[in-house]
Amino acid sequence: MLAVAVAVASLSVLSGGCGVDSPELGYAPVRMDPDPARTKTREVSGRLREMVGFEGGVTESGMSGIGCDSYADDRFTLEHSWSLHGLTGDQVDAGMETLRKALGENGWKITKVNEPNGADRDPEIFAVNEAEHFTVKVTALKGGGKEPRLGFSVHSACYRAASRDAANHA
């Protein structure tokens, strides 16, 4: 839930000048129903996967629709969590390094990097795509006896569905 708050807060900063119709968000959400929003989110995830620069298995934990504005019940944001697995520890490290370079070359701005902190913290990259209003958190998971992998959590902007019922099906 904290990641969603960070994503929505980041996106509200990005969307200045769009016309404000929500005191909570600070911008006017684009009208888009859940199916096209899911397609767009998958496309963004696919481009992120390509930026890593090598193949691996993709494990999807799914896509979740979350209400994003307490002032309107026709609004939603999407979270798409997935991982790239079947990697070695060296590939995970190389993937993170490649992403640090590729994100900036592909319209993303890195907003934060968490370096490893002993056994308690895995390396993370947080980035925002201001043009498409998406955020991503990439985590290098390779410790604790787990299979090495890159974990992605992709968040869309807040969208305005045609109706409350449509937003509830996000």
C-alpha atoms as a PDB file:
ATOM      1  CA  MET A   1       0.000   0.000   0.000  1.00  0.00           C
ATOM      2  CA  LEU A   2       2.924   2.334   0.718  1.00  0.00           C
ATOM      3  CA  ALA A   3       4.166   1.766  -2.832  1.00  0.00           C
ATOM      4  CA  VAL A   4       0.769   2.844  -4.197  1.00  0.00           C
ATOM      5  CA  ALA A   5       0.859   6.012  -2.095  1.00  0.00           C
ATOM      6  CA  VAL A   6       4.358   6.788  -3.369  1.00  0.00           C
ATOM      7  CA  ALA A   7       3.246   6.159  -6.960  1.00  0.00           C
ATOM      8  CA  VAL A   8       0.162   8.360  -6.676  1.00  0.00           C
ATOM      9  CA  ALA A   9       2.105  11.104  -4.882  1.00  0.00           C
ATOM     10  CA  SER A  10       4.815  11.005  -7.561  1.00  0.00           C
ATOM     11  CA  LEU A  11       2.254  11.171 -10.325  1.00  0.00           C
ATOM     12  CA  SER A  12       0.438  14.133  -8.802  1.00  0.00           C
ATOM     13  CA  VAL A  13       3.677  16.119  -9.030  1.00  0.00           C
ATOM     14  CA  LEU A  14       4.115  15.110 -12.674  1.00  0.00           C
ATOM     15  CA  SER A  15       0.710  16.127 -13.881  1.00  0.00           C
ATOM     16  CA  GLY A  16       0.747  19.842 -13.150  1.00  0.00           C
ATOM     17  CA  GLY A  17      -1.013  21.933 -15.751  1.00  0.00           C
ATOM     18  CA  CYS A  18      -3.547  19.242 -16.654  1.00  0.00           C
ATOM     19  CA  GLY A  19      -6.413  20.905 -14.833  1.00  0.00           C
ATOM     20  CA  VAL A  20      -7.171  19.930 -11.295  1.00  0.00           C
ATOM     21  CA  ASP A  21     -10.478  18.287 -10.523  1.00  0.00           C
ATOM     22  CA  SER A  22      -9.398  16.380  -7.425  1.00  0.00           C
ATOM     23  CA  PRO A  23      -7.993  17.952  -4.282  1.00  0.00           C
ATOM     24  CA  GLU A  24      -6.454  14.608  -3.299  1.00  0.00           C
ATOM     25  CA  LEU A  25      -4.604  13.916  -6.561  1.00  0.00           C
ATOM     26  CA  GLY A  26      -3.730  17.395  -7.741  1.00  0.00           C
ATOM     27  CA  TYR A  27      -4.486  16.575 -11.405  1.00  0.00           C
ATOM     28  CA  ALA A  28      -7.329  15.535 -13.665  1.00  0.00           C
ATOM     29  CA  PRO A  29      -7.242  11.770 -14.328  1.00  0.00           C
ATOM     30  CA  VAL A  30      -7.495  10.665 -17.956  1.00  0.00           C
ATOM     31  CA  ARG A  31     -10.690   8.821 -18.913  1.00  0.00           C
ATOM     32  CA  MET A  32      -9.822   5.184 -19.576  1.00  0.00           C
ATOM     33  CA  ASP A  33     -11.708   2.026 -18.695  1.00  0.00           C
ATOM     34  CA  PRO A  34      -9.953  -0.927 -17.022  1.00  0.00           C
ATOM     35  CA  ASP A  35      -9.345  -3.139 -20.097  1.00  0.00           C
ATOM     36  CA  PRO A  36      -7.402  -0.544 -22.124  1.00  0.00           C
ATOM     37  CA  ALA A  37      -5.626   0.568 -18.926  1.00  0.00           C
ATOM     38  CA  ARG A  38      -4.525  -3.041 -18.293  1.00  0.00           C
ATOM     39  CA  THR A  39      -3.283  -3.302 -21.889  1.00  0.00           C
ATOM     40  CA  LYS A  40      -1.285  -0.083 -21.524  1.00  0.00           C
ATOM     41  CA  THR A  41       0.175  -1.258 -18.198  1.00  0.00           C
ATOM     42  CA  ARG A  42       1.238  -4.591 -19.744  1.00  0.00           C
ATOM     43  CA  GLU A  43       2.878  -2.699 -22.620  1.00  0.00           C
ATOM     44  CA  VAL A  44       4.875  -0.573 -20.168  1.00  0.00           C
ATOM     45  CA  SER A  45       5.905  -3.720 -18.265  1.00  0.00           C
ATOM     46  CA  GLY A  46       6.977  -5.342 -21.543  1.00  0.00           C
ATOM     47  CA  ARG A  47       9.193  -2.398 -22.418  1.00  0.00           C
ATOM     48  CA  LEU A  48      10.775  -2.548 -18.961  1.00  0.00           C
ATOM     49  CA  ARG A  49      11.475  -6.264 -19.448  1.00  0.00           C
ATOM     50  CA  GLU A  50      13.180  -5.524 -22.775  1.00  0.00           C
ATOM     51  CA  MET A  51      15.392  -2.907 -21.088  1.00  0.00           C
ATOM     52  CA  VAL A  52      16.953  -5.598 -18.877  1.00  0.00           C
ATOM     53  CA  GLY A  53      18.724  -6.898 -21.974  1.00  0.00           C
ATOM     54  CA  PHE A  54      18.425 -10.666 -21.527  1.00  0.00           C
ATOM     55  CA  GLU A  55      15.755 -13.327 -21.337  1.00  0.00           C
ATOM     56  CA  GLY A  56      14.429 -15.093 -18.290  1.00  0.00           C
ATOM     57  CA  GLY A  57      11.183 -16.658 -17.200  1.00  0.00           C
ATOM     58  CA  VAL A  58       8.390 -14.254 -16.296  1.00  0.00           C
ATOM     59  CA  THR A  59       6.312 -14.944 -13.216  1.00  0.00           C
ATOM     60  CA  GLU A  60       3.239 -12.759 -12.939  1.00  0.00           C
ATOM     61  CA  SER A  61       1.628 -12.324  -9.595  1.00  0.00           C
ATOM     62  CA  GLY A  62      -1.077 -10.402 -11.367  1.00  0.00           C
ATOM     63  CA  MET A  63      -2.513  -6.961 -11.799  1.00  0.00           C
ATOM     64  CA  SER A  64      -4.596  -5.237  -9.157  1.00  0.00           C
ATOM     65  CA  GLY A  65      -6.987  -2.341  -9.502  1.00  0.00           C
ATOM     66  CA  ILE A  66      -6.993   0.045  -6.570  1.00  0.00           C
ATOM     67  CA  GLY A  67      -9.200   3.065  -5.900  1.00  0.00           C
ATOM     68  CA  CYS A  68      -7.067   6.194  -6.073  1.00  0.00           C
ATOM     69  CA  ASP A  69      -9.280   9.112  -5.132  1.00  0.00           C
ATOM     70  CA  SER A  70     -11.527   9.229  -2.085  1.00  0.00           C
ATOM     71  CA  TYR A  71     -13.522  12.085  -3.671  1.00  0.00           C
ATOM     72  CA  ALA A  72     -14.707  10.058  -6.675  1.00  0.00           C
ATOM     73  CA  ASP A  73     -15.616   6.384  -6.923  1.00  0.00           C
ATOM     74  CA  ASP A  74     -15.015   6.096 -10.685  1.00  0.00           C
ATOM     75  CA  ARG A  75     -11.223   6.372 -10.323  1.00  0.00           C
ATOM     76  CA  PHE A  76      -8.649   3.584 -10.234  1.00  0.00           C
ATOM     77  CA  THR A  77      -4.950   2.892 -10.599  1.00  0.00           C
ATOM     78  CA  LEU A  78      -3.325  -0.396 -11.576  1.00  0.00           C
ATOM     79  CA  GLU A  79      -0.443  -2.233  -9.948  1.00  0.00           C
ATOM     80  CA  HIS A  80       1.293  -4.882 -12.058  1.00  0.00           C
ATOM     81  CA  SER A  81       3.694  -7.067 -10.079  1.00  0.00           C
ATOM     82  CA  TRP A  82       5.885  -9.592 -11.869  1.00  0.00           C
ATOM     83  CA  SER A  83       9.401 -10.967 -11.783  1.00  0.00           C
ATOM     84  CA  LEU A  84      12.095 -12.124 -14.160  1.00  0.00           C
ATOM     85  CA  HIS A  85      13.448 -15.447 -12.870  1.00  0.00           C
ATOM     86  CA  GLY A  86      15.790 -18.246 -13.929  1.00  0.00           C
ATOM     87  CA  LEU A  87      18.710 -15.855 -13.510  1.00  0.00           C
ATOM     88  CA  THR A  88      22.096 -16.114 -11.844  1.00  0.00           C
ATOM     89  CA  GLY A  89      23.174 -13.652  -9.174  1.00  0.00           C
ATOM     90  CA  ASP A  90      25.531 -12.069 -11.715  1.00  0.00           C
ATOM     91  CA  GLN A  91      22.648 -11.627 -14.175  1.00  0.00           C
ATOM     92  CA  VAL A  92      20.570  -9.937 -11.477  1.00  0.00           C
ATOM     93  CA  ASP A  93      23.434  -7.496 -10.809  1.00  0.00           C
ATOM     94  CA  ALA A  94      23.969  -6.899 -14.536  1.00  0.00           C
ATOM     95  CA  GLY A  95      20.225  -6.388 -15.041  1.00  0.00           C
ATOM     96  CA  MET A  96      20.115  -3.712 -12.340  1.00  0.00           C
ATOM     97  CA  GLU A  97      23.121  -1.932 -13.845  1.00  0.00           C
ATOM     98  CA  THR A  98      21.631  -2.121 -17.341  1.00  0.00           C
ATOM     99  CA  LEU A  99      18.312  -0.759 -16.047  1.00  0.00           C
ATOM    100  CA  ARG A 100      20.034   2.196 -14.361  1.00  0.00           C
ATOM    101  CA  LYS A 101      21.309   3.239 -17.791  1.00  0.00           C
ATOM    102  CA  ALA A 102      18.354   2.161 -19.941  1.00  0.00           C
ATOM    103  CA  LEU A 103      15.649   3.805 -17.839  1.00  0.00           C
ATOM    104  CA  GLY A 104      17.080   7.278 -18.448  1.00  0.00           C
ATOM    105  CA  GLU A 105      17.520   6.552 -22.146  1.00  0.00           C
ATOM    106  CA  ASN A 106      13.858   5.512 -22.433  1.00  0.00           C
ATOM    107  CA  GLY A 107      11.978   8.383 -20.791  1.00  0.00           C
ATOM    108  CA  TRP A 108      12.263   7.311 -17.146  1.00  0.00           C
ATOM    109  CA  LYS A 109      13.733   9.370 -14.321  1.00  0.00           C
ATOM    110  CA  ILE A 110      15.320   7.477 -11.439  1.00  0.00           C
ATOM    111  CA  THR A 111      13.981   9.028  -8.245  1.00  0.00           C
ATOM    112  CA  LYS A 112      15.668   6.811  -5.669  1.00  0.00           C
ATOM    113  CA  VAL A 113      18.178   3.973  -5.427  1.00  0.00           C
ATOM    114  CA  ASN A 114      18.445   1.819  -2.313  1.00  0.00           C
ATOM    115  CA  GLU A 115      21.754   0.028  -2.081  1.00  0.00           C
ATOM    116  CA  PRO A 116      22.054  -3.298  -0.238  1.00  0.00           C
ATOM    117  CA  ASN A 117      22.093  -2.900   3.512  1.00  0.00           C
ATOM    118  CA  GLY A 118      23.388  -6.185   4.868  1.00  0.00           C
ATOM    119  CA  ALA A 119      20.874  -8.998   4.833  1.00  0.00           C
ATOM    120  CA  ASP A 120      17.999  -6.618   5.573  1.00  0.00           C
ATOM    121  CA  ARG A 121      17.640  -4.785   2.265  1.00  0.00           C
ATOM    122  CA  ASP A 122      17.768  -5.870  -1.350  1.00  0.00           C
ATOM    123  CA  PRO A 123      18.949  -3.301  -3.929  1.00  0.00           C
ATOM    124  CA  GLU A 124      16.056  -1.273  -5.373  1.00  0.00           C
ATOM    125  CA  ILE A 125      15.532   1.272  -8.129  1.00  0.00           C
ATOM    126  CA  PHE A 126      12.534   3.618  -8.076  1.00  0.00           C
ATOM    127  CA  ALA A 127      11.719   5.476 -11.306  1.00  0.00           C
ATOM    128  CA  VAL A 128       8.970   7.556 -12.851  1.00  0.00           C
ATOM    129  CA  ASN A 129       7.957   8.033 -16.473  1.00  0.00           C
ATOM    130  CA  GLU A 130       6.545  11.546 -16.567  1.00  0.00           C
ATOM    131  CA  ALA A 131       5.250  11.299 -20.142  1.00  0.00           C
ATOM    132  CA  GLU A 132       3.205   8.144 -19.536  1.00  0.00           C
ATOM    133  CA  HIS A 133       2.507   8.753 -15.828  1.00  0.00           C
ATOM    134  CA  PHE A 134       3.864   5.415 -14.633  1.00  0.00           C
ATOM    135  CA  THR A 135       6.150   4.520 -11.758  1.00  0.00           C
ATOM    136  CA  VAL A 136       8.218   1.393 -11.228  1.00  0.00           C
ATOM    137  CA  LYS A 137      10.091  -0.207  -8.370  1.00  0.00           C
ATOM    138  CA  VAL A 138      12.665  -2.820  -9.387  1.00  0.00           C
ATOM    139  CA  THR A 139      14.154  -5.058  -6.698  1.00  0.00           C
ATOM    140  CA  ALA A 140      17.205  -7.302  -7.084  1.00  0.00           C
ATOM    141  CA  LEU A 141      16.265 -10.430  -5.152  1.00  0.00           C
ATOM    142  CA  LYS A 142      19.126 -12.850  -4.716  1.00  0.00           C
ATOM    143  CA  GLY A 143      19.636 -13.501  -1.041  1.00  0.00           C
ATOM    144  CA  GLY A 144      18.054 -15.497   1.728  1.00  0.00           C
ATOM    145  CA  GLY A 145      18.210 -18.820  -0.094  1.00  0.00           C
ATOM    146  CA  LYS A 146      15.714 -17.650  -2.721  1.00  0.00           C
ATOM    147  CA  GLU A 147      16.094 -18.054  -6.462  1.00  0.00           C
ATOM    148  CA  PRO A 148      17.804 -14.954  -7.915  1.00  0.00           C
ATOM    149  CA  ARG A 149      15.334 -12.744  -9.768  1.00  0.00           C
ATOM    150  CA  LEU A 150      14.391  -9.178 -10.604  1.00  0.00           C
ATOM    151  CA  GLY A 151      11.076  -8.112  -9.092  1.00  0.00           C
ATOM    152  CA  PHE A 152       9.027  -5.369 -10.771  1.00  0.00           C
ATOM    153  CA  SER A 153       6.116  -3.391  -9.359  1.00  0.00           C
ATOM    154  CA  VAL A 154       4.639  -1.135 -12.050  1.00  0.00           C
ATOM    155  CA  HIS A 155       2.002   1.479 -11.131  1.00  0.00           C
ATOM    156  CA  SER A 156      -0.197   3.407 -13.535  1.00  0.00           C
ATOM    157  CA  ALA A 157      -1.589   6.893 -13.114  1.00  0.00           C
ATOM    158  CA  CYS A 158      -5.045   7.355 -11.674  1.00  0.00           C
ATOM    159  CA  TYR A 159      -7.612   6.801 -14.436  1.00  0.00           C
ATOM    160  CA  ARG A 160     -11.265   7.850 -14.583  1.00  0.00           C
ATOM    161  CA  ALA A 161     -13.543   5.020 -15.703  1.00  0.00           C
ATOM    162  CA  ALA A 162     -16.837   5.558 -17.525  1.00  0.00           C
ATOM    163  CA  SER A 163     -18.673   4.569 -14.353  1.00  0.00           C
ATOM    164  CA  ARG A 164     -18.197   3.421 -10.777  1.00  0.00           C
ATOM    165  CA  ASP A 165     -19.135  -0.100 -11.862  1.00  0.00           C
ATOM    166  CA  ALA A 166     -16.391  -0.095 -14.525  1.00  0.00           C
ATOM    167  CA  ALA A 167     -13.826   1.157 -11.981  1.00  0.00           C
ATOM    168  CA  ASN A 168     -14.851  -1.628  -9.599  1.00  0.00           C
ATOM    169  CA  HIS A 169     -13.836  -4.164 -12.271  1.00  0.00           C
ATOM    170  CA  ALA A 170     -10.279  -2.852 -12.552  1.00  0.00           C
END
